[in-house]
Every structure is written in C-alpha cells, then in structure tokens.
Amino acid sequence: MKKNRKLVLFGLVLLILVWTVSFVFLVPKISELFIEPNNYRADGANEAGNTIKIDDNYYVATTSATISTLYFDDFNGEGAKSLVEHVYKLNYDKSYIIVQSVKKNFYSLFSKEFNYVIVNRKNQKTITIENKDEFLKECKIKNITVELKAKNQFDWY
C-alpha cells in the first residue's frame, strides 16, 4: 500500500514537472506564431506582398508566399537588378547584406535546402556559399557580426 502511494506521488510530481517545463518552453514559441511583431506595416503590406527597404538602392520585394528577391536599383534608367532570389532570411550592416535563400523544396516546412549569399553593398558583388559553416567562417573573415533574421522582423512597405 505504501509502495503504491509513493509511486502515485512520484507520478504526480513528475507530471507537474513535465507540464511546467512544457509551459515555460512551448508557450512563448507558440505565441510567436500569433503575435504580430512590433515592426511597421504599411497599409496593404502582408506576408505575400511587401517590400523591405534596406537603403535607397537595395530592397527585398516579396510577391508571393515563396517569391522574395533582393534588388539593387541605382535609378539610372535601366531598372532594378535582381541579386538574390528566394530570400528566406536576411540582415545587413554598413558594408554587406547577408541572405539565406531557398535553393530546393520551397514549399516544405522541414526539408528546405539553402544557399547563403554575401552581397558587397559598394559594388553589388555576390558570394554564394552552399554550407552554413563556410558561410559563418566567411562572415567572420569579413567582420560581419549581424545574424540572419526572418523577413517578418523587418518593416514592410
């Protein structure tokens, strides 16, 4: 009888512990899916149609759920030049724009394959890297300290 009581008490304590840990770790992650970020959203801008302005010349245009492209436009009458297609994550500093782009399995939630691109903002030269570790090494060599961020963490116009 005492053994059963100890076993039930142990089970209850373990269950409460699992619930508490799950609550602490899962609720913030789940709530991120439903809480709109505190970034600016222009009227009409949404997940499938927006522009992220990096500066006067660089911007990312999203035209559907899977199509986001990094453009450079120097307003010389030739139109904008596409630098990176299928932008998934990005960030930038004064010298470089870094991009994680989808190269395969665009619609998959779990098995997307990525390229990593470093764009020199002075001359629009791009370096495409297929491996995340090599990308991080190149960022370290170029003294790029910003981290990739999801597109919804930027202002949308």
Protein backbone atom coordinates (compact mmCIF):
# COMPACT_ATOMS: atom_id res chain seq x y z
CA MET A 1 0.00 0.00 0.00
CA LYS A 2 2.79 2.44 0.91
CA LYS A 3 4.64 1.47 -2.26
CA ASN A 4 1.59 2.34 -4.41
CA ARG A 5 1.15 5.64 -2.59
CA LYS A 6 4.81 6.56 -3.21
CA LEU A 7 4.51 5.55 -6.86
CA VAL A 8 1.37 7.68 -7.34
CA LEU A 9 3.01 10.66 -5.58
CA PHE A 10 6.15 10.27 -7.73
CA GLY A 11 3.98 10.11 -10.87
CA LEU A 12 2.10 13.29 -9.91
CA VAL A 13 5.31 15.18 -9.18
CA LEU A 14 6.79 14.04 -12.49
CA LEU A 15 3.61 15.03 -14.36
CA ILE A 16 3.58 18.51 -12.78
CA LEU A 17 7.27 18.93 -13.62
CA VAL A 18 6.72 17.97 -17.27
CA TRP A 19 3.73 20.33 -17.56
CA THR A 20 5.69 23.19 -16.02
CA VAL A 21 8.70 22.70 -18.28
CA SER A 22 6.46 22.36 -21.35
CA PHE A 23 4.57 25.52 -20.40
CA VAL A 24 7.75 27.54 -19.87
CA PHE A 25 9.37 26.48 -23.15
CA LEU A 26 6.47 25.92 -25.54
CA VAL A 27 4.07 28.78 -24.81
CA PRO A 28 6.49 31.55 -25.85
CA LYS A 29 7.28 29.71 -29.10
CA ILE A 30 3.63 29.07 -29.91
CA SER A 31 2.62 32.64 -29.07
CA GLU A 32 5.21 33.98 -31.55
CA LEU A 33 3.12 32.44 -34.32
CA PHE A 34 0.09 34.55 -33.42
CA ILE A 35 1.56 37.81 -32.13
CA GLU A 36 2.31 40.40 -34.80
CA PRO A 37 5.82 41.82 -34.48
CA ASN A 38 6.23 45.44 -33.39
CA ASN A 39 7.57 46.44 -36.79
CA TYR A 40 5.95 48.94 -39.14
CA ARG A 41 3.42 47.52 -41.60
CA ALA A 42 2.28 49.80 -44.42
CA ASP A 43 -1.35 49.60 -45.48
CA GLY A 44 -1.75 46.64 -47.81
CA ALA A 45 1.58 45.01 -46.86
CA ASN A 46 1.28 41.34 -45.90
CA GLU A 47 3.25 38.06 -45.94
CA ALA A 48 2.73 37.64 -49.68
CA GLY A 49 3.16 41.23 -50.80
CA ASN A 50 5.61 43.65 -49.22
CA THR A 51 8.91 45.46 -49.64
CA ILE A 52 11.76 45.56 -47.13
CA LYS A 53 13.80 48.73 -47.66
CA ILE A 54 17.48 48.30 -46.81
CA ASP A 55 18.60 51.70 -48.10
CA ASP A 56 17.95 53.98 -51.07
CA ASN A 57 19.27 51.38 -53.54
CA TYR A 58 18.70 47.92 -52.01
CA TYR A 59 15.36 46.33 -51.19
CA VAL A 60 13.68 42.93 -50.92
CA ALA A 61 10.38 42.59 -52.79
CA THR A 62 8.02 39.79 -51.79
CA THR A 63 5.43 38.98 -54.43
CA SER A 64 4.06 35.65 -53.16
CA ALA A 65 4.46 33.19 -50.30
CA THR A 66 7.67 31.79 -51.85
CA ILE A 67 9.00 34.58 -54.08
CA SER A 68 11.17 37.22 -52.41
CA THR A 69 14.01 38.83 -54.33
CA LEU A 70 16.84 41.16 -53.31
CA TYR A 71 17.17 44.01 -55.81
CA PHE A 72 19.65 46.81 -56.46
CA ASP A 73 18.42 49.94 -58.21
CA ASP A 74 20.72 52.91 -58.84
CA PHE A 75 17.94 54.79 -60.70
CA ASN A 76 19.99 55.13 -63.90
CA GLY A 77 17.03 54.28 -66.11
CA GLU A 78 17.98 50.62 -66.61
CA GLY A 79 15.66 49.31 -63.90
CA ALA A 80 16.38 47.27 -60.81
CA LYS A 81 18.91 44.44 -60.95
CA SER A 82 17.98 41.14 -59.26
CA LEU A 83 20.81 39.98 -56.97
CA VAL A 84 19.34 37.09 -54.92
CA GLU A 85 16.12 35.16 -55.49
CA HIS A 86 14.03 33.18 -52.99
CA VAL A 87 15.16 35.21 -49.96
CA TYR A 88 14.29 33.35 -46.75
CA LYS A 89 16.23 35.31 -44.12
CA LEU A 90 18.44 38.37 -44.33
CA ASN A 91 20.26 41.11 -42.46
CA TYR A 92 22.73 43.85 -43.22
CA ASP A 93 25.37 46.18 -41.88
CA LYS A 94 27.11 49.21 -43.43
CA SER A 95 29.19 47.11 -45.85
CA TYR A 96 27.33 43.86 -46.54
CA ILE A 97 23.92 42.29 -46.95
CA ILE A 98 23.70 38.65 -45.88
CA VAL A 99 20.96 36.38 -47.22
CA GLN A 100 19.77 32.84 -46.67
CA SER A 101 17.96 31.79 -49.84
CA VAL A 102 15.97 28.67 -50.60
CA LYS A 103 17.51 26.60 -53.38
CA LYS A 104 15.28 23.48 -53.17
CA ASN A 105 11.96 22.35 -51.63
CA PHE A 106 10.41 25.83 -51.47
CA TYR A 107 7.08 24.64 -50.03
CA SER A 108 8.46 22.18 -47.47
CA LEU A 109 8.31 23.03 -43.78
CA PHE A 110 11.13 20.70 -42.78
CA SER A 111 13.40 19.87 -45.71
CA LYS A 112 14.23 23.17 -47.41
CA GLU A 113 17.76 23.41 -48.79
CA PHE A 114 19.56 26.73 -48.58
CA ASN A 115 22.30 28.83 -50.12
CA TYR A 116 23.96 31.64 -48.24
CA VAL A 117 24.85 34.85 -50.04
CA ILE A 118 27.03 37.78 -49.03
CA VAL A 119 26.46 40.96 -51.06
CA ASN A 120 29.04 43.76 -51.02
CA ARG A 121 26.97 46.94 -50.83
CA LYS A 122 29.63 49.07 -52.53
CA ASN A 123 29.88 47.10 -55.78
CA GLN A 124 26.94 44.62 -55.76
CA LYS A 125 29.35 41.65 -55.95
CA THR A 126 27.87 38.47 -54.50
CA ILE A 127 29.49 35.43 -52.93
CA THR A 128 27.25 32.34 -52.84
CA ILE A 129 28.08 29.65 -50.28
CA GLU A 130 26.30 26.29 -50.04
CA ASN A 131 27.31 25.37 -46.50
CA LYS A 132 26.25 27.23 -43.34
CA ASP A 133 29.56 26.61 -41.56
CA GLU A 134 31.51 28.02 -44.51
CA PHE A 135 29.13 30.99 -44.60
CA LEU A 136 29.77 31.69 -40.91
CA LYS A 137 33.53 31.47 -41.48
CA GLU A 138 33.30 33.94 -44.36
CA CYS A 139 31.22 36.29 -42.21
CA LYS A 140 33.87 36.14 -39.52
CA ILE A 141 36.64 36.89 -42.07
CA LYS A 142 34.67 39.89 -43.37
CA ASN A 143 33.84 41.01 -39.82
CA ILE A 144 30.09 40.67 -40.37
CA THR A 145 28.54 40.48 -36.92
CA VAL A 146 24.81 40.71 -37.70
CA GLU A 147 22.77 37.50 -37.67
CA LEU A 148 20.20 36.38 -40.20
CA LYS A 149 16.64 37.38 -39.31
CA ALA A 150 13.27 36.31 -40.66
CA LYS A 151 11.63 38.72 -43.10
CA ASN A 152 8.77 39.40 -40.69
CA GLN A 153 11.25 41.05 -38.31
CA PHE A 154 11.70 43.99 -40.70
CA ASP A 155 9.44 46.92 -41.54
CA TRP A 156 7.19 46.27 -44.54
CA TYR A 157 6.28 48.87 -47.13
